[in-house]
Amino acid sequence: MQQDQAPAASSESTDARAWTERLLHYREPSTWRSILELGISAGPLLALWVGSGAGLRSIPMDDALLQQEITAFQVLEEKGLAPFKMPDEATANAQLILVQDSGLPAWREAVELMRRTDTLELSHEMARQRDLFTVYAEARLHTMELVEAALLKGVSEPDAEMQASFARIDSILSLINVE
């Protein structure tokens, strides 16, 4: 049994010597080999870096900007809804002043704010949200114009057009709140 092991040990040492001789010239530094090794390592790394940069450019970067605009929109919404928060005993003249001084200007500004975001590069989800906010602001502005017209005419009850406008706002709000 020892005879079987001796040739294996001898061939292993011969293989080790052969490898040592083959690899002997790698012990000495080589400028060309170093440049080649750096190229082999740096080339794919550079390709990945450039590729990831290109990939990032394809992601819409204006989503965060739209979020900031929505925050500004919410401030305008509070101002625009002020006429609907007046006490029931408020006079028609007081309501009209609040509609003209607060409600209408706030909703006009909100519509313009959302329209200015049309040029933003947005993800699909954020573009849909922007579109809903734009339609909502336009519907609120239209309703506020109807309220102003009714107050100017001395009408105290909402007509069919105003009721339909309020219903449209409710449906838009339900879509916004789902998202």
Foldseek 3Di string as FASTA:
>chain_A
DVVVVVVVVVVVVVVVVVVCVVCVVVVDDDPVVVVVVCCVVVVVVVVVVVVVVVVVVVAFPCLVVVVVLVVVLVVLVVQQCVLVPDDPPDDLVVSLCSLVVTNQVSLVVSLVSLVVCPPGDHDPVSVVLSVLSNVLSVLSNVLSVQSNVCSVVVHDDDDPVNVVSVVVNVVSVVVNVVD
